[in-house]
Protein backbone atom coordinates (compact mmCIF):
# COMPACT_ATOMS: atom_id res chain seq x y z
CA MET A 1 -41.85 -38.78 -95.34
CA THR A 2 -38.72 -38.35 -93.32
CA ASP A 3 -37.28 -35.32 -91.64
CA GLY A 4 -33.68 -34.15 -91.90
CA LEU A 5 -32.61 -36.24 -88.91
CA GLY A 6 -33.52 -39.56 -90.44
CA GLY A 7 -36.83 -40.06 -88.63
CA THR A 8 -40.44 -39.76 -89.82
CA ASP A 9 -42.45 -36.58 -89.43
CA GLY A 10 -44.01 -36.25 -86.04
CA SER A 11 -41.82 -38.92 -84.53
CA ALA A 12 -38.81 -36.76 -83.76
CA GLY A 13 -37.98 -36.78 -80.08
CA THR A 14 -40.26 -39.75 -79.38
CA GLY A 15 -37.52 -42.35 -79.22
CA HIS A 16 -38.01 -45.14 -76.71
CA ARG A 17 -35.76 -45.34 -73.68
CA PRO A 18 -33.78 -48.58 -73.67
CA SER A 19 -35.06 -51.12 -71.21
CA ARG A 20 -33.21 -51.57 -67.95
CA PRO A 21 -30.93 -54.60 -68.07
CA ALA A 22 -31.87 -57.54 -65.91
CA PRO A 23 -29.94 -57.86 -62.64
CA SER A 24 -26.91 -60.10 -62.82
CA VAL A 25 -27.37 -63.48 -61.19
CA PHE A 26 -23.73 -63.45 -60.15
CA GLY A 27 -24.07 -59.98 -58.62
CA LEU A 28 -27.20 -60.94 -56.70
CA GLY A 29 -25.59 -64.13 -55.47
CA ALA A 30 -22.40 -62.37 -54.39
CA GLY A 31 -24.40 -59.68 -52.58
CA LEU A 32 -26.52 -62.29 -50.81
CA ILE A 33 -23.47 -64.31 -49.74
CA ALA A 34 -21.71 -61.16 -48.46
CA THR A 35 -24.81 -60.15 -46.47
CA VAL A 36 -25.22 -63.61 -44.94
CA MET A 37 -21.52 -63.79 -44.00
CA THR A 38 -21.62 -60.33 -42.42
CA VAL A 39 -24.70 -61.10 -40.35
CA ALA A 40 -23.39 -64.54 -39.38
CA THR A 41 -20.05 -63.22 -38.16
CA ALA A 42 -21.70 -60.44 -36.14
CA TRP A 43 -24.43 -62.64 -34.66
CA ASP A 44 -24.07 -63.85 -31.09
CA TRP A 45 -23.58 -67.56 -31.69
CA LYS A 46 -20.80 -70.13 -31.51
CA TYR A 47 -18.78 -68.79 -34.46
CA GLY A 48 -19.90 -65.16 -34.25
CA THR A 49 -18.28 -62.10 -32.68
CA GLY A 50 -21.31 -61.07 -30.65
CA PHE A 51 -21.16 -57.53 -32.05
CA SER A 52 -23.86 -55.20 -30.78
CA LEU A 53 -24.44 -51.52 -31.55
CA LEU A 54 -26.27 -51.16 -28.24
CA GLU A 55 -23.15 -52.31 -26.40
CA VAL A 56 -21.05 -49.78 -28.33
CA PHE A 57 -23.32 -46.89 -27.31
CA ASP A 58 -23.43 -48.21 -23.76
CA LYS A 59 -19.63 -48.32 -23.50
CA PHE A 60 -19.18 -44.82 -24.89
CA GLY A 61 -21.95 -43.33 -22.79
CA ASN A 62 -21.26 -45.01 -19.46
CA ASN A 63 -18.91 -42.45 -17.83
CA ASN A 64 -16.16 -43.14 -20.36
CA PRO A 65 -13.00 -41.23 -19.32
CA VAL A 66 -11.79 -40.88 -22.93
CA ILE A 67 -15.03 -39.24 -24.08
CA SER A 68 -15.41 -37.21 -20.89
CA ALA A 69 -12.01 -35.59 -21.48
CA ILE A 70 -13.00 -34.07 -24.84
CA PRO A 71 -14.45 -30.81 -23.37
CA ASP A 72 -11.24 -30.39 -21.33
CA THR A 73 -8.91 -30.81 -24.30
CA GLU A 74 -5.60 -29.09 -23.56
CA PHE A 75 -4.89 -27.20 -26.75
CA SER A 76 -1.72 -25.93 -25.10
CA GLN A 77 -0.13 -29.24 -26.13
CA MET A 78 -0.23 -27.93 -29.71
CA PHE A 79 2.31 -25.28 -28.76
CA SER A 80 4.45 -27.30 -26.37
CA PRO A 81 8.13 -27.50 -27.47
CA ARG A 82 8.25 -31.22 -26.72
CA SER A 83 5.12 -31.82 -28.79
CA ARG A 84 6.52 -29.80 -31.69
CA ASN A 85 9.76 -31.76 -31.55
CA ALA A 86 7.76 -35.01 -31.54
CA PHE A 87 5.83 -33.89 -34.61
CA VAL A 88 9.03 -32.94 -36.40
CA GLU A 89 10.36 -36.40 -35.58
CA THR A 90 7.18 -37.91 -37.02
CA LEU A 91 7.65 -35.95 -40.24
CA ARG A 92 11.27 -37.11 -40.42
CA LEU A 93 10.12 -40.70 -39.99
CA ALA A 94 7.62 -40.35 -42.83
CA VAL A 95 10.04 -38.55 -45.16
CA LEU A 96 12.98 -40.91 -44.60
CA GLY A 97 10.86 -44.05 -44.78
CA THR A 98 9.11 -42.90 -47.95
CA ALA A 99 12.17 -41.55 -49.77
CA SER A 100 14.23 -44.68 -49.17
CA GLY A 101 11.34 -47.02 -49.89
CA VAL A 102 10.29 -45.51 -53.22
CA LEU A 103 13.87 -45.65 -54.50
CA VAL A 104 13.94 -49.40 -53.96
CA ALA A 105 10.33 -49.94 -55.06
CA ARG A 106 10.81 -48.76 -58.67
CA PRO A 107 13.42 -51.35 -59.72
CA LEU A 108 11.52 -54.03 -57.81
CA ALA A 109 8.33 -53.12 -59.69
CA LEU A 110 10.16 -53.23 -63.04
CA TRP A 111 11.68 -56.60 -62.20
CA SER A 112 8.30 -57.99 -61.18
CA THR A 113 7.17 -57.98 -64.83
CA SER A 114 8.01 -60.55 -67.50
CA PHE A 115 9.49 -57.92 -69.86
CA GLY A 116 11.43 -56.09 -67.12
CA ALA A 117 13.06 -58.96 -65.24
CA PRO A 118 16.45 -60.12 -66.56
CA ASN A 119 15.44 -63.76 -66.21
CA ARG A 120 12.77 -66.05 -64.78
CA VAL A 121 14.64 -66.62 -61.51
CA ALA A 122 14.87 -62.88 -60.82
CA LEU A 123 11.16 -62.52 -61.58
CA VAL A 124 10.17 -65.23 -59.09
CA VAL A 125 12.56 -63.96 -56.40
CA VAL A 126 11.36 -60.35 -56.66
CA ARG A 127 7.70 -61.32 -56.60
CA THR A 128 8.29 -63.59 -53.61
CA ILE A 129 10.13 -60.87 -51.68
CA SER A 130 7.38 -58.38 -52.47
CA ASN A 131 4.68 -60.78 -51.28
CA VAL A 132 6.55 -61.55 -48.05
CA ILE A 133 7.06 -57.86 -47.23
CA ARG A 134 3.42 -57.10 -47.98
CA ALA A 135 2.23 -59.96 -45.78
CA PHE A 136 3.51 -58.22 -42.62
CA PRO A 137 1.69 -55.08 -41.42
CA ASP A 138 3.78 -52.02 -40.59
CA ILE A 139 3.17 -52.28 -36.85
CA LEU A 140 4.48 -55.85 -36.80
CA TRP A 141 7.64 -54.74 -38.60
CA ALA A 142 7.99 -51.97 -36.01
CA LEU A 143 7.65 -54.44 -33.13
CA LEU A 144 10.28 -56.70 -34.66
CA PHE A 145 12.72 -53.85 -35.26
CA VAL A 146 12.14 -52.37 -31.78
CA SER A 147 13.01 -55.76 -30.32
CA ALA A 148 16.06 -56.01 -32.58
CA VAL A 149 17.60 -52.52 -32.37
CA GLY A 150 15.81 -50.90 -29.43
CA ILE A 151 13.39 -48.02 -28.93
CA GLY A 152 13.87 -44.93 -31.09
CA VAL A 153 13.57 -43.51 -34.58
CA LEU A 154 15.59 -46.22 -36.35
CA PRO A 155 13.02 -49.05 -36.01
CA GLY A 156 10.30 -46.65 -37.19
CA VAL A 157 12.26 -45.70 -40.31
CA MET A 158 13.00 -49.34 -41.06
CA ALA A 159 9.34 -50.33 -40.66
CA LEU A 160 8.12 -47.50 -42.92
CA PHE A 161 10.87 -48.34 -45.42
CA LEU A 162 9.52 -51.86 -45.85
CA PHE A 163 5.91 -50.67 -45.78
CA THR A 164 6.64 -48.19 -48.58
CA ILE A 165 8.32 -50.88 -50.67
CA ALA A 166 5.28 -53.13 -50.29
CA VAL A 167 2.76 -50.43 -51.27
CA VAL A 168 4.61 -48.68 -54.10
CA THR A 169 5.94 -51.91 -55.65
CA LYS A 170 2.47 -53.45 -55.80
CA LEU A 171 0.74 -50.34 -57.21
CA THR A 172 3.49 -49.64 -59.75
CA ALA A 173 3.57 -53.28 -60.86
CA ASP A 174 -0.19 -53.15 -61.46
CA THR A 175 0.33 -50.02 -63.58
CA LEU A 176 3.04 -51.78 -65.58
CA ASP A 177 0.56 -54.49 -66.54
CA GLY A 178 -1.49 -51.92 -68.46
CA ILE A 179 1.18 -49.93 -70.33
CA ASP A 180 1.34 -49.61 -74.11
CA MET A 181 3.65 -52.37 -75.35
CA GLY A 182 4.25 -50.64 -78.69
CA PRO A 183 7.25 -48.58 -77.49
CA VAL A 184 8.66 -51.68 -75.77
CA GLU A 185 8.47 -53.72 -78.97
CA ALA A 186 9.97 -50.84 -80.96
CA ALA A 187 12.89 -50.53 -78.53
CA ASN A 188 13.53 -54.28 -78.67
CA ALA A 189 13.35 -54.22 -82.47
CA THR A 190 16.12 -51.61 -82.63
CA GLY A 191 18.39 -53.85 -80.52
CA ALA A 192 18.21 -51.78 -77.33
CA ARG A 193 19.52 -53.42 -74.20
CA ARG A 194 17.04 -54.23 -71.44
CA ALA A 195 18.10 -51.29 -69.31
CA GLN A 196 17.80 -48.93 -72.29
CA MET A 197 14.39 -50.33 -73.17
CA LEU A 198 13.11 -49.83 -69.63
CA ARG A 199 14.53 -46.30 -69.41
CA THR A 200 13.17 -45.06 -72.74
CA ALA A 201 9.99 -47.09 -73.33
CA VAL A 202 8.64 -48.06 -69.90
CA VAL A 203 9.67 -45.55 -67.24
CA PRO A 204 8.23 -42.50 -69.07
CA GLN A 205 4.83 -44.24 -69.19
CA ILE A 206 4.67 -45.02 -65.48
CA LEU A 207 6.46 -41.97 -64.09
CA PRO A 208 3.32 -39.87 -63.34
CA ALA A 209 1.61 -42.82 -61.62
CA TYR A 210 4.80 -43.74 -59.79
CA ALA A 211 5.15 -40.18 -58.46
CA SER A 212 1.50 -40.21 -57.38
CA TYR A 213 1.96 -43.53 -55.57
CA SER A 214 5.02 -42.12 -53.81
CA LEU A 215 3.01 -39.18 -52.49
CA TYR A 216 0.23 -41.55 -51.45
CA ALA A 217 2.78 -43.67 -49.58
CA PHE A 218 4.02 -40.54 -47.78
CA GLU A 219 0.46 -39.81 -46.59
CA LEU A 220 0.10 -43.39 -45.36
CA ASN A 221 3.48 -43.27 -43.62
CA LEU A 222 2.62 -40.01 -41.88
CA ARG A 223 -0.46 -41.63 -40.37
CA ALA A 224 1.29 -44.93 -39.69
CA SER A 225 4.17 -43.21 -37.88
CA VAL A 226 1.77 -42.30 -35.06
CA VAL A 227 0.79 -45.94 -34.58
CA LEU A 228 4.43 -47.02 -34.73
CA GLY A 229 5.23 -44.57 -31.96
CA LEU A 230 2.82 -46.43 -29.69
CA VAL A 231 5.17 -49.43 -29.76
CA GLY A 232 8.31 -47.35 -29.14
CA ALA A 233 9.32 -46.48 -32.69
CA GLY A 234 9.58 -42.72 -32.05
CA GLY A 235 7.51 -39.75 -33.14
CA ILE A 236 4.35 -38.20 -31.75
CA GLY A 237 2.87 -41.64 -31.12
CA GLN A 238 5.39 -42.23 -28.35
CA ARG A 239 4.27 -39.02 -26.62
CA ILE A 240 0.60 -39.96 -27.05
CA GLU A 241 1.33 -43.34 -25.50
CA PHE A 242 3.00 -41.63 -22.53
CA PHE A 243 -0.06 -39.48 -21.80
CA ARG A 244 -2.37 -42.46 -22.39
CA SER A 245 -0.49 -44.55 -19.85
CA GLN A 246 -0.94 -41.68 -17.35
CA ASN A 247 -4.68 -41.44 -18.17
CA GLN A 248 -4.17 -37.80 -19.16
CA TRP A 249 -6.74 -37.97 -21.93
CA GLU A 250 -7.18 -34.21 -22.20
CA LYS A 251 -3.54 -33.96 -23.28
CA VAL A 252 -3.99 -36.88 -25.67
CA TRP A 253 -6.89 -35.06 -27.34
CA GLY A 254 -4.74 -31.93 -27.67
CA LEU A 255 -2.12 -33.92 -29.57
CA VAL A 256 -4.83 -35.58 -31.67
CA VAL A 257 -6.21 -32.18 -32.71
CA MET A 258 -2.72 -31.02 -33.66
CA PHE A 259 -2.08 -34.17 -35.67
CA VAL A 260 -5.41 -33.86 -37.51
CA ILE A 261 -4.48 -30.32 -38.59
CA VAL A 262 -1.05 -31.43 -39.80
CA VAL A 263 -2.47 -34.41 -41.72
CA PHE A 264 -5.17 -32.23 -43.31
CA ILE A 265 -2.58 -29.75 -44.58
CA VAL A 266 -0.31 -32.49 -45.90
CA ASP A 267 -3.26 -34.23 -47.55
CA ARG A 268 -4.37 -31.06 -49.37
CA VAL A 269 -0.87 -30.26 -50.58
CA SER A 270 -0.36 -33.85 -51.73
CA THR A 271 -3.70 -33.84 -53.58
CA LEU A 272 -2.80 -30.65 -55.44
CA VAL A 273 0.59 -32.06 -56.44
CA ARG A 274 -0.92 -35.34 -57.63
CA ARG A 275 -3.42 -33.48 -59.81
CA ARG A 276 -0.55 -31.71 -61.53
CA LEU A 277 1.33 -34.97 -62.08
CA ILE A 278 -1.51 -37.05 -63.53
């Protein structure tokens, strides 16, 4: 006799839990190889790095001037006019580098796909340029531009411009690989030109993700602008480098605290905006 749920009387709710799947041989092998490689590279042997946690604790605890300066942090640096001006310059670096980079990244991302590029040559050229730009880290671009145009804001903007292109182009191109091709085929069937097809069938699908990637690039650029300042590319990093060279670590920590607060605020605002876009 069966109950109303399709089971026999007295057996309702006594279903067996499915057995746990066997571990993947590939997963176990990959995990084992990764563990062996990590241990081998950290081990103190001919091809290892000689990494030691004990040495790390010893370095930080052995009268380290950087750590010793933390209790004497000069929070007055947070309100110094020169520090505020340096932070404003850092924000300008991030905004200019991001805004200019995302404008160039969108057409490059569209042209890096087989349905968006006007021809095969353009596809290969765009992908090659994107790979070359992405191969260089932002600090190396900053060093090159500082050597080429001198110390200041310009090399920082140029480095962040290329860094933004590399990040947003790659992420947007990956998004393009997963779009619904139905609208694209419909636009092509009606005889739409390539530019019309991209504008009406492709861009609306990637616009939320593209906007989210642009905000993400701005967060990255805000953090990167500090590092770029260490090599003379302007911003708060240049002021941090000045205090570091003078061994005034208490002032460095004051600037670090101020920067952490600014980054936290920007990160929260950016997260809220991205949630509304996606």
